Structures are given as C-alpha cells and as structure tokens.
Amino acid sequence: MTNDDDELPDIPVVCEDCDTRTAVPFAEVEDAVARHNDQLHDGEPGAQVDPDVLDQLNDLVAKDMGLLD
C-alpha cells in the first residue's frame, strides 16, 4: 500500500533574503516556511514557495476547476 504523500513532489522553497533554496515535502511546506520566517525574519515574509512553481500550480488548479475555459 502506498502513501499519497509519497506520490507528491517536494516543493521548492526559496528565501532571497538568506540566498537559500530547498525542497520540502508537500505536506510540510506551510510549517517549514512559517518556521523559517519566525526563526530568521522575526515572522516577516522571507521564505516562500518558489514563485515560478506557485504560478504553475495556480495555473493547474485553475485549469482543473475549469476557470480557463
């Protein structure tokens, strides 16, 4: 039996302030970004899902929902 989380790709997370890039399991993205920003940026935005990937995800969701028809 496979776990659905095993089938999801890691999501690239970038922080231009720290000049870092990492890949985080899909299920951990929100917590990882919040933890990074809390620990290194006093809770201010710094780390985020790679904007190019986020755009692609938004396009896929919009297409799947029929918003681009």
C-alpha atoms as a PDB file:
ATOM      1  CA  MET A   1       0.000   0.000   0.000  1.00  0.00           C
ATOM      2  CA  THR A   2       1.427   3.424  -0.942  1.00  0.00           C
ATOM      3  CA  ASN A   3       1.050   6.651   0.955  1.00  0.00           C
ATOM      4  CA  ASP A   4      -0.388   9.555  -1.060  1.00  0.00           C
ATOM      5  CA  ASP A   5       2.293  11.850   0.438  1.00  0.00           C
ATOM      6  CA  ASP A   6       4.957   9.615  -1.156  1.00  0.00           C
ATOM      7  CA  GLU A   7       3.482  10.389  -4.570  1.00  0.00           C
ATOM      8  CA  LEU A   8       3.510  14.174  -4.139  1.00  0.00           C
ATOM      9  CA  PRO A   9       6.623  16.024  -5.271  1.00  0.00           C
ATOM     10  CA  ASP A  10       8.827  18.047  -2.983  1.00  0.00           C
ATOM     11  CA  ILE A  11       8.074  21.749  -3.324  1.00  0.00           C
ATOM     12  CA  PRO A  12      10.937  24.219  -3.865  1.00  0.00           C
ATOM     13  CA  VAL A  13      11.108  26.943  -1.220  1.00  0.00           C
ATOM     14  CA  VAL A  14      13.304  29.995  -1.678  1.00  0.00           C
ATOM     15  CA  CYS A  15      14.421  32.826   0.555  1.00  0.00           C
ATOM     16  CA  GLU A  16      16.026  35.692  -1.312  1.00  0.00           C
ATOM     17  CA  ASP A  17      16.910  37.397   1.987  1.00  0.00           C
ATOM     18  CA  CYS A  18      19.048  34.408   3.044  1.00  0.00           C
ATOM     19  CA  ASP A  19      20.015  33.419  -0.516  1.00  0.00           C
ATOM     20  CA  THR A  20      18.778  29.875   0.163  1.00  0.00           C
ATOM     21  CA  ARG A  21      16.776  27.302  -1.730  1.00  0.00           C
ATOM     22  CA  THR A  22      15.493  23.941  -0.518  1.00  0.00           C
ATOM     23  CA  ALA A  23      12.884  21.350  -1.380  1.00  0.00           C
ATOM     24  CA  VAL A  24      10.262  20.461   1.223  1.00  0.00           C
ATOM     25  CA  PRO A  25       7.717  17.620   1.189  1.00  0.00           C
ATOM     26  CA  PHE A  26       4.335  18.936   0.080  1.00  0.00           C
ATOM     27  CA  ALA A  27       2.664  18.260   3.442  1.00  0.00           C
ATOM     28  CA  GLU A  28       5.351  20.246   5.311  1.00  0.00           C
ATOM     29  CA  VAL A  29       5.593  23.376   3.151  1.00  0.00           C
ATOM     30  CA  GLU A  30       3.368  25.656   5.219  1.00  0.00           C
ATOM     31  CA  ASP A  31       5.052  24.760   8.518  1.00  0.00           C
ATOM     32  CA  ALA A  32       8.568  24.921   7.043  1.00  0.00           C
ATOM     33  CA  VAL A  33       8.031  28.388   5.561  1.00  0.00           C
ATOM     34  CA  ALA A  34       6.446  29.704   8.766  1.00  0.00           C
ATOM     35  CA  ARG A  35       9.222  28.212  10.920  1.00  0.00           C
ATOM     36  CA  HIS A  36      11.949  29.720   8.716  1.00  0.00           C
ATOM     37  CA  ASN A  37      10.326  33.141   8.745  1.00  0.00           C
ATOM     38  CA  ASP A  38       9.708  33.030  12.516  1.00  0.00           C
ATOM     39  CA  GLN A  39      13.259  31.942  13.332  1.00  0.00           C
ATOM     40  CA  LEU A  40      15.200  34.043  10.838  1.00  0.00           C
ATOM     41  CA  HIS A  41      12.997  37.006   9.964  1.00  0.00           C
ATOM     42  CA  ASP A  42      11.023  37.717  13.161  1.00  0.00           C
ATOM     43  CA  GLY A  43       7.889  36.412  11.454  1.00  0.00           C
ATOM     44  CA  GLU A  44       8.214  38.735   8.469  1.00  0.00           C
ATOM     45  CA  PRO A  45       7.933  37.227   4.980  1.00  0.00           C
ATOM     46  CA  GLY A  46      11.221  35.928   3.647  1.00  0.00           C
ATOM     47  CA  ALA A  47      10.923  32.318   2.601  1.00  0.00           C
ATOM     48  CA  GLN A  48       8.193  31.379   0.150  1.00  0.00           C
ATOM     49  CA  VAL A  49       7.277  28.716  -2.353  1.00  0.00           C
ATOM     50  CA  ASP A  50       9.302  29.346  -5.495  1.00  0.00           C
ATOM     51  CA  PRO A  51       7.175  31.925  -7.367  1.00  0.00           C
ATOM     52  CA  ASP A  52       7.582  30.138 -10.725  1.00  0.00           C
ATOM     53  CA  VAL A  53       6.331  26.876  -9.221  1.00  0.00           C
ATOM     54  CA  LEU A  54       3.483  28.667  -7.463  1.00  0.00           C
ATOM     55  CA  ASP A  55       2.399  30.193 -10.792  1.00  0.00           C
ATOM     56  CA  GLN A  56       2.406  26.746 -12.393  1.00  0.00           C
ATOM     57  CA  LEU A  57       0.384  25.292  -9.523  1.00  0.00           C
ATOM     58  CA  ASN A  58      -2.127  28.140  -9.759  1.00  0.00           C
ATOM     59  CA  ASP A  59      -2.500  27.534 -13.500  1.00  0.00           C
ATOM     60  CA  LEU A  60      -3.043  23.795 -12.969  1.00  0.00           C
ATOM     61  CA  VAL A  61      -5.669  24.387 -10.284  1.00  0.00           C
ATOM     62  CA  ALA A  62      -7.457  26.997 -12.401  1.00  0.00           C
ATOM     63  CA  LYS A  63      -7.452  24.650 -15.381  1.00  0.00           C
ATOM     64  CA  ASP A  64      -8.680  21.747 -13.254  1.00  0.00           C
ATOM     65  CA  MET A  65     -11.512  23.927 -11.932  1.00  0.00           C
ATOM     66  CA  GLY A  66     -12.455  24.994 -15.468  1.00  0.00           C
ATOM     67  CA  LEU A  67     -11.603  28.646 -14.846  1.00  0.00           C
ATOM     68  CA  LEU A  68      -9.516  28.908 -18.015  1.00  0.00           C
ATOM     69  CA  ASP A  69     -12.238  27.638 -20.358  1.00  0.00           C
END
